[in-house]
């Protein structure tokens, strides 16, 4: 787990309860002592029926050598989790079911599949963290390319390929597509030399190659590096919508919530260049019927694209022009929320280099 960085600004409490420094929760409209209103009434609220000092005692157990960020984040997590348990009166049986769901996600996770990440994705957590971490504090039309979640099936060390090559192997019947564009500095518009585009997507059967024993190793994966003109081009497939893996805890949770598992058709990218903040993103096919109800809430308007008919090219029926715009670390630091500095972006660089970090992706 990468080290925690500078704190994010946490939202204020949205109800009328406030946490005191001694761990008591005080209703601003009426004083409570040990859960009894005014010391007289025996009527108690759900939360006041429980030990008002317990949560703060757990928070106070943090030792003096914990970092300020760790102390802040864990205190907030403990407080919110304890409040959740009290407000919903979670029973031991329900708690154990939750623990077992997490344990099963761990047992199912491998270097080819991250079930824990899928579980967090279907409740929208990764998309929320992505927004917090990478959203620039600007609405300018020339803003850097939007980010999107990595997901659980990305693979490190995809093969490097020459411009104009195809990432498609042994799939003759797919909607073959010629994708091309330029990688630029979002402020100057100048092309970026040496930008690496790591690209991957599913086959027409909705499976990534590590899920499908009939696909060759690293099928539909590739890394391309731009020259002085910043341009890139390669052949891929027009992607297909597909369900998130439904055979594990994430699938069980979706069923319990009466939700569908479908993701709209998309292509994944990690784009990085020296001195620029890496971008982890996805681009989505506008025609897909699930574009407005993605099971993992990752679609952004700026990432929705149109595939165009391509003529005169025996290798492709469609083309997809798309330009990527990157921000330097300095620009990200000046214009972004906390979390987009060079230091905090190092975890994204670790992902690109295969040094741990998040594994895999939808």
Protein backbone atom coordinates (compact mmCIF):
# COMPACT_ATOMS: atom_id res chain seq x y z
CA UNK A 1 0.00 0.00 0.00
CA UNK A 2 1.56 3.35 -0.99
CA UNK A 3 2.15 5.82 1.85
CA UNK A 4 -0.70 8.17 2.60
CA UNK A 5 -0.09 11.72 1.48
CA UNK A 6 -1.42 15.14 2.45
CA UNK A 7 -4.94 15.13 3.89
CA UNK A 8 -8.00 15.75 1.79
CA UNK A 9 -10.61 18.19 3.06
CA UNK A 10 -13.30 16.11 4.68
CA UNK A 11 -16.96 17.05 4.39
CA UNK A 12 -18.59 18.39 7.57
CA UNK A 13 -21.14 16.31 9.44
CA UNK A 14 -24.47 16.56 7.62
CA UNK A 15 -26.76 15.84 10.58
CA UNK A 16 -27.30 17.73 13.82
CA UNK A 17 -24.95 15.56 15.83
CA UNK A 18 -21.39 16.73 16.46
CA UNK A 19 -18.48 14.69 17.78
CA UNK A 20 -16.85 16.21 20.85
CA UNK A 21 -13.18 15.76 21.59
CA UNK A 22 -14.02 13.31 24.39
CA UNK A 23 -15.98 11.10 22.02
CA UNK A 24 -19.47 12.09 23.18
CA UNK A 25 -22.05 12.98 20.56
CA UNK A 26 -24.14 15.99 21.48
CA UNK A 27 -27.50 16.84 19.96
CA UNK A 28 -27.37 20.59 19.40
CA UNK A 29 -31.10 20.89 19.95
CA UNK A 30 -31.21 18.98 23.25
CA UNK A 31 -28.62 17.93 25.84
CA UNK A 32 -28.07 14.22 26.42
CA UNK A 33 -26.22 12.64 29.32
CA UNK A 34 -25.41 8.91 29.03
CA UNK A 35 -28.19 8.63 26.44
CA UNK A 36 -30.91 10.04 28.73
CA UNK A 37 -32.38 13.36 27.58
CA UNK A 38 -31.92 16.07 30.21
CA UNK A 39 -31.06 13.36 32.75
CA UNK A 40 -34.80 12.72 33.17
CA UNK A 41 -36.36 10.85 30.24
CA UNK A 42 -35.78 7.15 29.74
CA UNK A 43 -36.44 7.51 25.99
CA UNK A 44 -33.22 6.97 24.01
CA UNK A 45 -32.25 7.43 20.38
CA UNK A 46 -30.70 4.51 18.52
CA UNK A 47 -27.16 5.84 18.81
CA UNK A 48 -27.43 7.08 22.40
CA UNK A 49 -28.33 3.61 23.68
CA UNK A 50 -24.70 2.60 23.22
CA UNK A 51 -21.53 3.54 25.10
CA UNK A 52 -20.84 7.16 24.06
CA UNK A 53 -17.15 6.88 24.95
CA UNK A 54 -16.32 3.69 23.04
CA UNK A 55 -15.47 5.15 19.63
CA UNK A 56 -13.17 7.81 21.01
CA UNK A 57 -11.36 5.22 23.13
CA UNK A 58 -10.59 3.24 19.96
CA UNK A 59 -9.36 6.40 18.21
CA UNK A 60 -7.23 7.33 21.23
CA UNK A 61 -5.45 3.97 21.05
CA UNK A 62 -3.45 5.22 18.06
CA UNK A 63 0.20 5.51 19.10
CA UNK A 64 2.41 8.60 19.03
CA UNK A 65 4.48 7.41 16.07
CA UNK A 66 1.56 7.26 13.64
CA UNK A 67 1.88 9.84 10.87
CA UNK A 68 -0.49 12.84 10.97
CA UNK A 69 -2.21 11.65 7.79
CA UNK A 70 -2.65 8.11 9.13
CA UNK A 71 -3.99 9.47 12.40
CA UNK A 72 -6.51 11.73 10.61
CA UNK A 73 -7.72 9.18 8.07
CA UNK A 74 -8.09 6.31 10.54
CA UNK A 75 -9.87 8.46 13.11
CA UNK A 76 -12.38 9.48 10.44
CA UNK A 77 -12.76 5.89 9.21
CA UNK A 78 -13.32 4.51 12.71
CA UNK A 79 -15.84 7.22 13.51
CA UNK A 80 -17.83 6.66 10.31
CA UNK A 81 -17.75 2.86 10.53
CA UNK A 82 -18.82 2.89 14.18
CA UNK A 83 -21.64 5.33 13.42
CA UNK A 84 -22.74 3.12 10.52
CA UNK A 85 -22.89 0.07 12.81
CA UNK A 86 -24.83 1.92 15.50
CA UNK A 87 -27.28 3.68 13.18
CA UNK A 88 -28.13 0.42 11.40
CA UNK A 89 -27.81 -1.76 14.50
CA UNK A 90 -25.57 -4.25 12.70
CA UNK A 91 -25.83 -7.70 14.29
CA UNK A 92 -22.99 -10.18 14.78
CA UNK A 93 -24.40 -12.41 12.03
CA UNK A 94 -24.55 -9.51 9.57
CA UNK A 95 -21.04 -8.41 10.50
CA UNK A 96 -19.71 -11.95 9.93
CA UNK A 97 -21.38 -12.06 6.50
CA UNK A 98 -19.57 -8.84 5.62
CA UNK A 99 -16.26 -10.19 6.90
CA UNK A 100 -16.72 -13.38 4.89
CA UNK A 101 -17.47 -11.36 1.74
CA UNK A 102 -14.16 -9.52 2.17
CA UNK A 103 -12.32 -12.78 2.93
CA UNK A 104 -13.76 -14.42 -0.17
CA UNK A 105 -12.67 -11.46 -2.30
CA UNK A 106 -9.14 -12.02 -0.98
CA UNK A 107 -9.23 -15.74 -1.72
CA UNK A 108 -10.39 -15.12 -5.29
CA UNK A 109 -7.82 -12.43 -6.07
CA UNK A 110 -4.76 -13.37 -8.14
CA UNK A 111 -2.22 -11.57 -10.30
CA UNK A 112 -4.84 -11.76 -13.08
CA UNK A 113 -7.95 -10.73 -11.13
CA UNK A 114 -8.49 -8.33 -8.23
CA UNK A 115 -11.84 -9.22 -6.70
CA UNK A 116 -11.43 -6.75 -3.85
CA UNK A 117 -11.14 -3.98 -6.38
CA UNK A 118 -14.24 -5.21 -8.23
CA UNK A 119 -16.11 -5.14 -4.93
CA UNK A 120 -15.10 -1.53 -4.32
CA UNK A 121 -15.97 -0.62 -7.90
CA UNK A 122 -19.58 -1.84 -7.80
CA UNK A 123 -20.28 0.48 -4.83
CA UNK A 124 -18.70 3.38 -6.72
CA UNK A 125 -15.75 3.83 -4.35
CA UNK A 126 -12.95 3.72 -6.93
CA UNK A 127 -14.78 6.18 -9.18
CA UNK A 128 -15.24 8.54 -6.23
CA UNK A 129 -11.58 8.29 -5.20
CA UNK A 130 -10.60 8.85 -8.83
CA UNK A 131 -12.63 12.06 -8.91
CA UNK A 132 -11.18 13.29 -5.61
CA UNK A 133 -7.61 12.53 -6.63
CA UNK A 134 -7.42 13.68 -10.22
CA UNK A 135 -10.11 16.26 -10.90
CA UNK A 136 -8.61 19.61 -11.85
CA UNK A 137 -10.21 22.60 -10.22
CA UNK A 138 -11.21 24.10 -13.56
CA UNK A 139 -14.04 23.79 -16.05
CA UNK A 140 -11.97 24.98 -19.00
CA UNK A 141 -12.69 23.30 -22.32
CA UNK A 142 -8.97 22.72 -22.84
CA UNK A 143 -8.53 20.89 -19.51
CA UNK A 144 -6.40 17.74 -19.42
CA UNK A 145 -7.99 14.45 -20.46
CA UNK A 146 -10.33 13.16 -17.76
CA UNK A 147 -9.30 10.16 -15.72
CA UNK A 148 -11.32 7.00 -15.06
CA UNK A 149 -10.84 3.94 -12.89
CA UNK A 150 -8.15 1.35 -13.51
CA UNK A 151 -10.26 -1.62 -12.38
CA UNK A 152 -9.09 -5.19 -11.69
CA UNK A 153 -7.66 -6.69 -14.92
CA UNK A 154 -4.78 -4.46 -16.02
CA UNK A 155 -1.51 -6.36 -16.56
CA UNK A 156 1.98 -5.02 -16.12
CA UNK A 157 4.63 -5.27 -18.83
CA UNK A 158 2.39 -5.42 -21.86
CA UNK A 159 4.43 -5.85 -25.06
CA UNK A 160 5.85 -2.74 -26.70
CA UNK A 161 4.64 -2.35 -30.27
CA UNK A 162 5.52 -0.20 -33.26
CA UNK A 163 3.19 2.52 -34.46
CA UNK A 164 0.64 1.17 -36.91
CA UNK A 165 0.72 -2.36 -35.50
CA UNK A 166 -2.36 -4.22 -34.30
CA UNK A 167 -3.03 -5.41 -30.76
CA UNK A 168 -5.57 -7.93 -32.17
CA UNK A 169 -4.53 -11.58 -32.60
CA UNK A 170 -6.62 -14.44 -33.99
CA UNK A 171 -9.91 -12.52 -33.97
CA UNK A 172 -10.92 -12.16 -37.64
CA UNK A 173 -14.60 -11.29 -37.10
CA UNK A 174 -14.47 -8.31 -34.72
CA UNK A 175 -15.14 -4.69 -35.64
CA UNK A 176 -11.54 -3.82 -36.48
CA UNK A 177 -10.71 -0.18 -35.82
CA UNK A 178 -7.88 2.18 -36.65
CA UNK A 179 -7.29 4.46 -33.67
CA UNK A 180 -5.10 7.53 -33.96
CA UNK A 181 -4.41 10.91 -32.41
CA UNK A 182 -1.81 13.08 -30.74
CA UNK A 183 -0.62 13.53 -27.16
CA UNK A 184 -0.16 17.19 -26.24
CA UNK A 185 0.54 19.53 -23.36
CA UNK A 186 -2.92 20.75 -22.32
CA UNK A 187 -1.75 24.34 -21.83
CA UNK A 188 0.59 24.93 -24.77
CA UNK A 189 -0.89 22.45 -27.22
CA UNK A 190 2.64 21.33 -28.09
CA UNK A 191 3.09 17.63 -28.97
CA UNK A 192 4.74 15.48 -26.31
CA UNK A 193 7.60 13.28 -27.43
CA UNK A 194 8.18 10.03 -25.56
CA UNK A 195 4.62 9.66 -24.27
CA UNK A 196 3.74 6.02 -23.64
CA UNK A 197 0.19 4.77 -24.25
CA UNK A 198 -0.61 1.49 -22.52
CA UNK A 199 -3.85 0.20 -24.06
CA UNK A 200 -6.07 -2.83 -23.43
CA UNK A 201 -9.67 -3.99 -23.90
CA UNK A 202 -11.83 -7.11 -24.06
CA UNK A 203 -12.45 -9.47 -26.93
CA UNK A 204 -15.89 -9.61 -28.63
CA UNK A 205 -16.89 -12.35 -26.16
CA UNK A 206 -16.56 -9.83 -23.33
CA UNK A 207 -13.47 -11.42 -21.81
CA UNK A 208 -9.99 -10.04 -21.21
CA UNK A 209 -7.23 -12.36 -22.35
CA UNK A 210 -6.31 -13.44 -18.80
CA UNK A 211 -9.93 -14.61 -18.36
CA UNK A 212 -9.99 -16.60 -21.59
CA UNK A 213 -7.74 -19.61 -22.20
CA UNK A 214 -8.49 -19.44 -25.93
CA UNK A 215 -6.81 -16.04 -26.31
CA UNK A 216 -3.06 -15.73 -26.76
CA UNK A 217 -0.96 -14.13 -24.03
CA UNK A 218 -1.39 -10.33 -23.95
CA UNK A 219 -3.98 -10.37 -26.71
CA UNK A 220 -5.57 -6.91 -27.05
CA UNK A 221 -2.79 -5.31 -24.98
CA UNK A 222 0.03 -3.09 -26.17
CA UNK A 223 2.29 -0.14 -25.39
CA UNK A 224 3.09 2.55 -27.93
CA UNK A 225 5.55 5.46 -27.60
CA UNK A 226 5.16 8.75 -29.46
CA UNK A 227 7.87 10.44 -31.53
CA UNK A 228 8.60 14.15 -31.86
CA UNK A 229 5.21 14.86 -33.42
CA UNK A 230 3.40 13.33 -30.43
CA UNK A 231 1.28 11.20 -32.73
CA UNK A 232 0.15 7.62 -32.21
CA UNK A 233 -1.80 5.09 -34.27
CA UNK A 234 -2.62 1.39 -34.02
CA UNK A 235 -5.31 -1.17 -34.83
CA UNK A 236 -7.69 -2.50 -32.21
CA UNK A 237 -11.34 -3.58 -32.02
CA UNK A 238 -14.47 -1.58 -31.47
CA UNK A 239 -15.16 -2.69 -27.91
CA UNK A 240 -18.11 -4.68 -26.61
CA UNK A 241 -20.24 -4.22 -23.49
CA UNK A 242 -19.91 -7.03 -20.96
CA UNK A 243 -20.77 -7.98 -17.36
CA UNK A 244 -18.36 -7.53 -14.50
CA UNK A 245 -17.34 -10.97 -13.12
CA UNK A 246 -20.48 -12.35 -11.52
CA UNK A 247 -19.07 -15.44 -9.81
CA UNK A 248 -17.65 -13.77 -6.69
CA UNK A 249 -18.61 -11.47 -3.81
CA UNK A 250 -19.07 -8.46 -6.13
CA UNK A 251 -21.57 -10.39 -8.22
CA UNK A 252 -23.37 -11.59 -5.11
CA UNK A 253 -23.60 -8.00 -3.86
CA UNK A 254 -25.07 -6.84 -7.17
CA UNK A 255 -27.71 -9.57 -6.97
CA UNK A 256 -28.60 -8.63 -3.39
CA UNK A 257 -28.98 -5.00 -4.52
CA UNK A 258 -31.08 -6.04 -7.54
CA UNK A 259 -28.61 -4.37 -9.90
CA UNK A 260 -27.37 -5.36 -13.35
CA UNK A 261 -23.66 -6.15 -13.85
CA UNK A 262 -23.11 -4.55 -17.26
CA UNK A 263 -20.32 -2.21 -18.25
CA UNK A 264 -20.60 -0.10 -21.43
CA UNK A 265 -18.11 -0.79 -24.21
CA UNK A 266 -14.78 0.92 -23.54
CA UNK A 267 -11.03 0.93 -24.17
CA UNK A 268 -8.52 1.39 -21.35
CA UNK A 269 -5.47 3.65 -21.41
CA UNK A 270 -2.62 4.63 -19.15
CA UNK A 271 -0.83 7.60 -20.70
CA UNK A 272 2.40 8.90 -19.20
CA UNK A 273 5.36 11.03 -20.21
CA UNK A 274 8.43 12.42 -18.42
CA UNK A 275 7.53 15.42 -16.20
CA UNK A 276 3.78 14.92 -16.76
CA UNK A 277 1.12 13.58 -14.44
CA UNK A 278 0.07 10.11 -15.65
CA UNK A 279 -3.53 9.63 -16.74
CA UNK A 280 -5.43 6.40 -16.12
CA UNK A 281 -8.59 6.54 -18.19
CA UNK A 282 -11.19 4.81 -20.35
CA UNK A 283 -13.00 5.94 -23.48
CA UNK A 284 -16.58 4.82 -24.09
CA UNK A 285 -18.60 4.02 -27.21
CA UNK A 286 -21.53 6.42 -27.43
CA UNK A 287 -23.77 3.82 -29.10
CA UNK A 288 -23.71 1.49 -26.09
CA UNK A 289 -27.06 1.13 -24.30
CA UNK A 290 -25.33 1.01 -20.91
CA UNK A 291 -23.58 4.35 -21.37
CA UNK A 292 -25.91 5.95 -18.81
CA UNK A 293 -25.95 3.16 -16.22
CA UNK A 294 -22.44 1.75 -15.93
CA UNK A 295 -22.31 -0.87 -13.15
CA UNK A 296 -19.17 0.78 -11.72
CA UNK A 297 -20.15 4.45 -12.34
CA UNK A 298 -17.04 5.29 -14.39
CA UNK A 299 -18.50 7.05 -17.46
CA UNK A 300 -17.74 10.78 -17.90
CA UNK A 301 -19.18 12.89 -20.70
CA UNK A 302 -15.74 13.97 -21.88
CA UNK A 303 -14.72 10.33 -22.37
CA UNK A 304 -17.65 9.35 -24.64
CA UNK A 305 -16.58 8.97 -28.28
CA UNK A 306 -17.94 8.21 -31.74
CA UNK A 307 -16.51 5.48 -33.96
CA UNK A 308 -16.51 6.59 -37.60
CA UNK A 309 -16.76 4.45 -40.77
CA UNK A 310 -13.36 3.92 -42.41
CA UNK A 311 -13.01 3.44 -46.15
CA UNK A 312 -10.11 2.26 -48.26
CA UNK A 313 -8.41 0.33 -45.45
CA UNK A 314 -8.63 -3.47 -45.70
CA UNK A 315 -7.51 -3.77 -42.07
CA UNK A 316 -10.34 -1.76 -40.48
CA UNK A 317 -14.03 -0.96 -40.83
CA UNK A 318 -13.96 1.90 -38.30
CA UNK A 319 -11.64 4.63 -37.16
CA UNK A 320 -11.43 6.45 -33.87
CA UNK A 321 -9.62 9.79 -33.66
CA UNK A 322 -8.82 10.78 -30.08
CA UNK A 323 -6.29 13.22 -28.61
CA UNK A 324 -4.85 13.01 -25.11
CA UNK A 325 -3.92 16.15 -23.16
CA UNK A 326 -1.52 15.91 -20.23
CA UNK A 327 -0.70 18.35 -17.44
CA UNK A 328 2.79 18.82 -16.04
CA UNK A 329 3.29 18.10 -12.36
CA UNK A 330 3.72 21.83 -11.78
CA UNK A 331 0.42 22.67 -13.48
CA UNK A 332 -1.33 19.88 -11.62
CA UNK A 333 0.02 21.24 -8.35
CA UNK A 334 -1.15 24.78 -9.11
CA UNK A 335 -4.59 23.92 -10.44
CA UNK A 336 -5.60 20.64 -8.84
CA UNK A 337 -7.02 19.33 -5.64
CA UNK A 338 -4.65 17.67 -3.19
CA UNK A 339 -3.37 14.39 -4.61
CA UNK A 340 -2.08 15.46 -8.04
CA UNK A 341 1.46 16.43 -7.12
CA UNK A 342 4.47 14.54 -8.39
CA UNK A 343 4.91 12.75 -5.10
CA UNK A 344 1.33 11.52 -4.87
CA UNK A 345 1.35 10.56 -8.54
CA UNK A 346 4.23 8.17 -7.88
CA UNK A 347 1.73 5.41 -7.10
CA UNK A 348 0.29 5.81 -10.61
CA UNK A 349 3.80 5.61 -12.01
CA UNK A 350 4.28 2.41 -10.00
CA UNK A 351 1.20 1.01 -11.71
CA UNK A 352 2.67 1.77 -15.12
CA UNK A 353 6.00 0.23 -14.22
CA UNK A 354 4.46 -2.84 -12.64
CA UNK A 355 5.91 -2.10 -9.19
CA UNK A 356 2.84 -3.21 -7.31
CA UNK A 357 -0.02 -0.80 -6.94
CA UNK A 358 -3.37 -1.75 -8.36
CA UNK A 359 -3.62 -4.84 -10.47
CA UNK A 360 -5.96 -5.32 -13.33
CA UNK A 361 -8.97 -3.52 -14.73
CA UNK A 362 -12.45 -3.76 -16.17
